[in-house]
Amino acid sequence: MKMPIITKELINKIISQYSLSLKGIHGISHWARVLENGHKLAELNNANLQIVELFAVFHDAKRINDGHDPGHGRRGAEFAATLRGKLFTLSDEDFELLHIACSYHTNGLTDGEITVQTCWDSDRLDLGRIGINPNPRYLCTDAAKNSHMIKWANERSIKRIIPIFVHYEWGII
């Protein structure tokens, strides 16, 4: 059985340095929904699930505000680099994909390797929380552009659903 890459220890380390509200628009519930979106998309796209999962928790981990925050994705990628080999393991090739996904997730790009595209889509499908309906034109993969996927993810985002695993896997109440 494969061990989960997102452990309580990893989550606690990310939380310990997070400077914004964990209940805010870029906090825990967002990370968890991005993770769930990523799981659904990765299954359909054959994307690398470990990278998709790590993206979910690192892409906004180094934000310094909830508004315009240039460079936060790159800072998240660099933070991930400091924990690589300590709290998670990825090959050089896989880490490069994670770094690209985090660094460029707000640049509006749609072309790239399938795992990177899946990461970007998993985040973009959670825009409802800030009053933006996901637009298929800005999504990368056919799986994300599916109207049922958009509706499912957007409804959860608007309601700011906190996935149950946040409580029992991450130990956060």
C-alpha atoms as a PDB file:
ATOM      1  CA  MET A   1       0.000   0.000   0.000  1.00  0.00           C
ATOM      2  CA  LYS A   2       1.320   3.425  -0.992  1.00  0.00           C
ATOM      3  CA  MET A   3       1.764   5.876   1.867  1.00  0.00           C
ATOM      4  CA  PRO A   4       0.008   9.220   1.510  1.00  0.00           C
ATOM      5  CA  ILE A   5       2.324  12.046   0.520  1.00  0.00           C
ATOM      6  CA  ILE A   6       0.309  14.616   2.492  1.00  0.00           C
ATOM      7  CA  THR A   7       0.909  13.753   6.135  1.00  0.00           C
ATOM      8  CA  LYS A   8      -0.208  15.512   9.305  1.00  0.00           C
ATOM      9  CA  GLU A   9       3.438  16.422   9.883  1.00  0.00           C
ATOM     10  CA  LEU A  10       3.662  18.092   6.468  1.00  0.00           C
ATOM     11  CA  ILE A  11       0.374  19.952   6.958  1.00  0.00           C
ATOM     12  CA  ASN A  12       1.441  21.107  10.414  1.00  0.00           C
ATOM     13  CA  LYS A  13       4.732  22.433   9.013  1.00  0.00           C
ATOM     14  CA  ILE A  14       2.904  24.351   6.290  1.00  0.00           C
ATOM     15  CA  ILE A  15       0.375  25.727   8.776  1.00  0.00           C
ATOM     16  CA  SER A  16       3.097  26.762  11.238  1.00  0.00           C
ATOM     17  CA  GLN A  17       4.508  29.262   8.754  1.00  0.00           C
ATOM     18  CA  TYR A  18       1.264  30.321   7.020  1.00  0.00           C
ATOM     19  CA  SER A  19       0.778  34.063   7.556  1.00  0.00           C
ATOM     20  CA  LEU A  20      -2.909  34.405   6.636  1.00  0.00           C
ATOM     21  CA  SER A  21      -6.090  33.128   8.272  1.00  0.00           C
ATOM     22  CA  LEU A  22      -6.436  29.360   7.911  1.00  0.00           C
ATOM     23  CA  LYS A  23     -10.165  29.998   7.450  1.00  0.00           C
ATOM     24  CA  GLY A  24      -9.583  32.610   4.741  1.00  0.00           C
ATOM     25  CA  ILE A  25     -10.157  32.357   1.006  1.00  0.00           C
ATOM     26  CA  HIS A  26      -6.671  30.929   0.408  1.00  0.00           C
ATOM     27  CA  GLY A  27      -6.581  28.741   3.530  1.00  0.00           C
ATOM     28  CA  ILE A  28      -7.274  25.159   4.504  1.00  0.00           C
ATOM     29  CA  SER A  29     -10.701  24.717   2.902  1.00  0.00           C
ATOM     30  CA  HIS A  30      -9.309  26.020  -0.410  1.00  0.00           C
ATOM     31  CA  TRP A  31      -6.297  23.675  -0.248  1.00  0.00           C
ATOM     32  CA  ALA A  32      -8.595  20.746   0.501  1.00  0.00           C
ATOM     33  CA  ARG A  33     -11.021  21.508  -2.328  1.00  0.00           C
ATOM     34  CA  VAL A  34      -8.115  21.944  -4.743  1.00  0.00           C
ATOM     35  CA  LEU A  35      -6.890  18.546  -3.552  1.00  0.00           C
ATOM     36  CA  GLU A  36     -10.286  16.941  -4.172  1.00  0.00           C
ATOM     37  CA  ASN A  37     -10.598  18.638  -7.565  1.00  0.00           C
ATOM     38  CA  GLY A  38      -7.125  17.372  -8.365  1.00  0.00           C
ATOM     39  CA  HIS A  39      -7.990  13.812  -7.352  1.00  0.00           C
ATOM     40  CA  LYS A  40     -10.989  13.768  -9.684  1.00  0.00           C
ATOM     41  CA  LEU A  41      -9.047  15.304 -12.558  1.00  0.00           C
ATOM     42  CA  ALA A  42      -5.930  13.155 -12.091  1.00  0.00           C
ATOM     43  CA  GLU A  43      -8.042  10.021 -12.283  1.00  0.00           C
ATOM     44  CA  LEU A  44      -9.412  11.183 -15.639  1.00  0.00           C
ATOM     45  CA  ASN A  45      -6.149  12.645 -16.973  1.00  0.00           C
ATOM     46  CA  ASN A  46      -3.676  10.053 -15.669  1.00  0.00           C
ATOM     47  CA  ALA A  47      -1.773  12.901 -14.038  1.00  0.00           C
ATOM     48  CA  ASN A  48       0.808  12.261 -11.318  1.00  0.00           C
ATOM     49  CA  LEU A  49      -1.298  12.285  -8.159  1.00  0.00           C
ATOM     50  CA  GLN A  50       1.605  12.986  -5.801  1.00  0.00           C
ATOM     51  CA  ILE A  51       2.443  16.194  -7.646  1.00  0.00           C
ATOM     52  CA  VAL A  52      -1.222  17.209  -7.782  1.00  0.00           C
ATOM     53  CA  GLU A  53      -1.583  16.634  -4.031  1.00  0.00           C
ATOM     54  CA  LEU A  54       1.547  18.591  -3.170  1.00  0.00           C
ATOM     55  CA  PHE A  55       0.466  21.417  -5.447  1.00  0.00           C
ATOM     56  CA  ALA A  56      -2.802  21.693  -3.515  1.00  0.00           C
ATOM     57  CA  VAL A  57      -1.020  22.433  -0.236  1.00  0.00           C
ATOM     58  CA  PHE A  58       1.951  24.457  -1.512  1.00  0.00           C
ATOM     59  CA  HIS A  59       0.563  26.696  -4.283  1.00  0.00           C
ATOM     60  CA  ASP A  60      -0.819  29.322  -1.852  1.00  0.00           C
ATOM     61  CA  ALA A  61       1.231  28.387   1.233  1.00  0.00           C
ATOM     62  CA  LYS A  62       3.459  31.470   1.034  1.00  0.00           C
ATOM     63  CA  ARG A  63       0.860  34.142   0.310  1.00  0.00           C
ATOM     64  CA  ILE A  64       1.352  37.343   2.237  1.00  0.00           C
ATOM     65  CA  ASN A  65      -2.122  38.709   1.461  1.00  0.00           C
ATOM     66  CA  ASP A  66      -5.420  37.580  -0.064  1.00  0.00           C
ATOM     67  CA  GLY A  67      -5.257  40.090  -2.927  1.00  0.00           C
ATOM     68  CA  HIS A  68      -2.687  40.681  -5.639  1.00  0.00           C
ATOM     69  CA  ASP A  69       0.409  38.827  -4.431  1.00  0.00           C
ATOM     70  CA  PRO A  70       2.964  38.468  -7.219  1.00  0.00           C
ATOM     71  CA  GLY A  71       5.468  35.705  -6.671  1.00  0.00           C
ATOM     72  CA  HIS A  72       3.472  33.778  -4.080  1.00  0.00           C
ATOM     73  CA  GLY A  73       3.450  30.648  -6.233  1.00  0.00           C
ATOM     74  CA  ARG A  74       7.215  30.713  -6.679  1.00  0.00           C
ATOM     75  CA  ARG A  75       7.634  31.298  -2.937  1.00  0.00           C
ATOM     76  CA  GLY A  76       5.411  28.268  -2.332  1.00  0.00           C
ATOM     77  CA  ALA A  77       7.552  26.189  -4.694  1.00  0.00           C
ATOM     78  CA  GLU A  78      10.727  27.325  -2.955  1.00  0.00           C
ATOM     79  CA  PHE A  79       9.191  26.480   0.418  1.00  0.00           C
ATOM     80  CA  ALA A  80       8.364  23.014  -0.917  1.00  0.00           C
ATOM     81  CA  ALA A  81      12.021  22.640  -1.921  1.00  0.00           C
ATOM     82  CA  THR A  82      13.078  23.187   1.711  1.00  0.00           C
ATOM     83  CA  LEU A  83      10.849  20.304   2.847  1.00  0.00           C
ATOM     84  CA  ARG A  84      11.680  17.915   0.004  1.00  0.00           C
ATOM     85  CA  GLY A  85      13.619  14.950   1.313  1.00  0.00           C
ATOM     86  CA  LYS A  86      12.509  15.750   4.863  1.00  0.00           C
ATOM     87  CA  LEU A  87       8.712  15.582   4.818  1.00  0.00           C
ATOM     88  CA  PHE A  88       8.101  14.248   1.314  1.00  0.00           C
ATOM     89  CA  THR A  89      10.079  12.691  -1.505  1.00  0.00           C
ATOM     90  CA  LEU A  90       9.860  13.408  -5.228  1.00  0.00           C
ATOM     91  CA  SER A  91      12.270  12.675  -8.042  1.00  0.00           C
ATOM     92  CA  ASP A  92      14.067  15.645  -9.627  1.00  0.00           C
ATOM     93  CA  GLU A  93      11.817  15.395 -12.686  1.00  0.00           C
ATOM     94  CA  ASP A  94       8.626  15.310 -10.604  1.00  0.00           C
ATOM     95  CA  PHE A  95       9.789  18.149  -8.378  1.00  0.00           C
ATOM     96  CA  GLU A  96      10.461  20.272 -11.458  1.00  0.00           C
ATOM     97  CA  LEU A  97       6.805  19.759 -12.496  1.00  0.00           C
ATOM     98  CA  LEU A  98       5.615  20.751  -9.004  1.00  0.00           C
ATOM     99  CA  HIS A  99       7.826  23.835  -9.120  1.00  0.00           C
ATOM    100  CA  ILE A 100       6.427  24.843 -12.524  1.00  0.00           C
ATOM    101  CA  ALA A 101       2.831  24.213 -11.417  1.00  0.00           C
ATOM    102  CA  CYS A 102       3.190  26.330  -8.272  1.00  0.00           C
ATOM    103  CA  SER A 103       5.298  29.078  -9.821  1.00  0.00           C
ATOM    104  CA  TYR A 104       3.030  29.745 -12.788  1.00  0.00           C
ATOM    105  CA  HIS A 105      -0.440  28.885 -11.483  1.00  0.00           C
ATOM    106  CA  THR A 106      -1.665  32.492 -11.612  1.00  0.00           C
ATOM    107  CA  ASN A 107      -0.215  33.356 -15.022  1.00  0.00           C
ATOM    108  CA  GLY A 108      -3.275  32.225 -16.999  1.00  0.00           C
ATOM    109  CA  LEU A 109      -1.317  29.601 -18.911  1.00  0.00           C
ATOM    110  CA  THR A 110      -3.172  26.623 -20.365  1.00  0.00           C
ATOM    111  CA  ASP A 111      -0.442  24.747 -22.240  1.00  0.00           C
ATOM    112  CA  GLY A 112       1.887  22.381 -20.469  1.00  0.00           C
ATOM    113  CA  GLU A 113       2.512  18.872 -19.266  1.00  0.00           C
ATOM    114  CA  ILE A 114      -0.708  17.069 -18.242  1.00  0.00           C
ATOM    115  CA  THR A 115       0.132  16.983 -14.542  1.00  0.00           C
ATOM    116  CA  VAL A 116       0.881  20.719 -14.504  1.00  0.00           C
ATOM    117  CA  GLN A 117      -2.348  21.398 -16.391  1.00  0.00           C
ATOM    118  CA  THR A 118      -4.244  19.255 -13.881  1.00  0.00           C
ATOM    119  CA  CYS A 119      -2.770  21.284 -11.018  1.00  0.00           C
ATOM    120  CA  TRP A 120      -3.792  24.568 -12.603  1.00  0.00           C
ATOM    121  CA  ASP A 121      -7.295  23.289 -13.364  1.00  0.00           C
ATOM    122  CA  SER A 122      -7.769  21.989  -9.829  1.00  0.00           C
ATOM    123  CA  ASP A 123      -7.123  25.509  -8.519  1.00  0.00           C
ATOM    124  CA  ARG A 124      -9.124  27.342 -11.202  1.00  0.00           C
ATOM    125  CA  LEU A 125     -12.158  25.154 -10.525  1.00  0.00           C
ATOM    126  CA  ASP A 126     -12.245  26.664  -7.011  1.00  0.00           C
ATOM    127  CA  LEU A 127     -12.712  30.286  -8.094  1.00  0.00           C
ATOM    128  CA  GLY A 128     -16.351  30.392  -6.978  1.00  0.00           C
ATOM    129  CA  ARG A 129     -15.172  31.207  -3.462  1.00  0.00           C
ATOM    130  CA  ILE A 130     -14.146  34.661  -4.725  1.00  0.00           C
ATOM    131  CA  GLY A 131     -17.198  35.199  -6.927  1.00  0.00           C
ATOM    132  CA  ILE A 132     -15.716  34.019 -10.225  1.00  0.00           C
ATOM    133  CA  ASN A 133     -17.351  31.205 -12.157  1.00  0.00           C
ATOM    134  CA  PRO A 134     -14.717  28.975 -13.797  1.00  0.00           C
ATOM    135  CA  ASN A 135     -14.568  29.702 -17.528  1.00  0.00           C
ATOM    136  CA  PRO A 136     -13.709  26.708 -19.754  1.00  0.00           C
ATOM    137  CA  ARG A 137     -11.601  29.039 -21.905  1.00  0.00           C
ATOM    138  CA  TYR A 138      -9.128  29.346 -19.011  1.00  0.00           C
ATOM    139  CA  LEU A 139      -9.109  25.649 -18.139  1.00  0.00           C
ATOM    140  CA  CYS A 140      -6.502  23.339 -19.604  1.00  0.00           C
ATOM    141  CA  THR A 141      -7.952  19.843 -19.799  1.00  0.00           C
ATOM    142  CA  ASP A 142     -11.084  18.346 -21.294  1.00  0.00           C
ATOM    143  CA  ALA A 143     -11.863  16.783 -17.909  1.00  0.00           C
ATOM    144  CA  ALA A 144     -11.919  20.209 -16.234  1.00  0.00           C
ATOM    145  CA  LYS A 145     -13.916  21.779 -19.061  1.00  0.00           C
ATOM    146  CA  ASN A 146     -16.699  19.237 -18.598  1.00  0.00           C
ATOM    147  CA  SER A 147     -19.839  21.096 -17.522  1.00  0.00           C
ATOM    148  CA  HIS A 148     -20.608  18.560 -14.769  1.00  0.00           C
ATOM    149  CA  MET A 149     -17.098  18.945 -13.314  1.00  0.00           C
ATOM    150  CA  ILE A 150     -17.347  22.736 -13.390  1.00  0.00           C
ATOM    151  CA  LYS A 151     -20.785  22.671 -11.742  1.00  0.00           C
ATOM    152  CA  TRP A 152     -19.686  20.202  -9.025  1.00  0.00           C
ATOM    153  CA  ALA A 153     -16.508  22.101  -8.161  1.00  0.00           C
ATOM    154  CA  ASN A 154     -18.089  25.549  -8.391  1.00  0.00           C
ATOM    155  CA  GLU A 155     -20.988  24.679  -6.074  1.00  0.00           C
ATOM    156  CA  ARG A 156     -18.550  23.350  -3.466  1.00  0.00           C
ATOM    157  CA  SER A 157     -16.401  26.445  -3.833  1.00  0.00           C
ATOM    158  CA  ILE A 158     -19.292  28.899  -3.483  1.00  0.00           C
ATOM    159  CA  LYS A 159     -20.488  27.076  -0.347  1.00  0.00           C
ATOM    160  CA  ARG A 160     -16.875  26.952   0.929  1.00  0.00           C
ATOM    161  CA  ILE A 161     -17.275  23.266   1.674  1.00  0.00           C
ATOM    162  CA  ILE A 162     -14.604  21.877   3.987  1.00  0.00           C
ATOM    163  CA  PRO A 163     -13.933  18.284   2.886  1.00  0.00           C
ATOM    164  CA  ILE A 164     -14.256  15.811   5.740  1.00  0.00           C
ATOM    165  CA  PHE A 165     -10.714  14.473   5.361  1.00  0.00           C
ATOM    166  CA  VAL A 166      -9.428  17.812   6.701  1.00  0.00           C
ATOM    167  CA  HIS A 167     -10.662  16.655  10.110  1.00  0.00           C
ATOM    168  CA  TYR A 168      -9.701  13.002  10.154  1.00  0.00           C
ATOM    169  CA  GLU A 169      -6.574  12.951   7.964  1.00  0.00           C
ATOM    170  CA  TRP A 170      -5.094  16.381   8.645  1.00  0.00           C
ATOM    171  CA  GLY A 171      -6.399  16.605  12.218  1.00  0.00           C
ATOM    172  CA  ILE A 172      -7.762  20.123  11.764  1.00  0.00           C
ATOM    173  CA  ILE A 173     -11.060  21.172  13.290  1.00  0.00           C
END
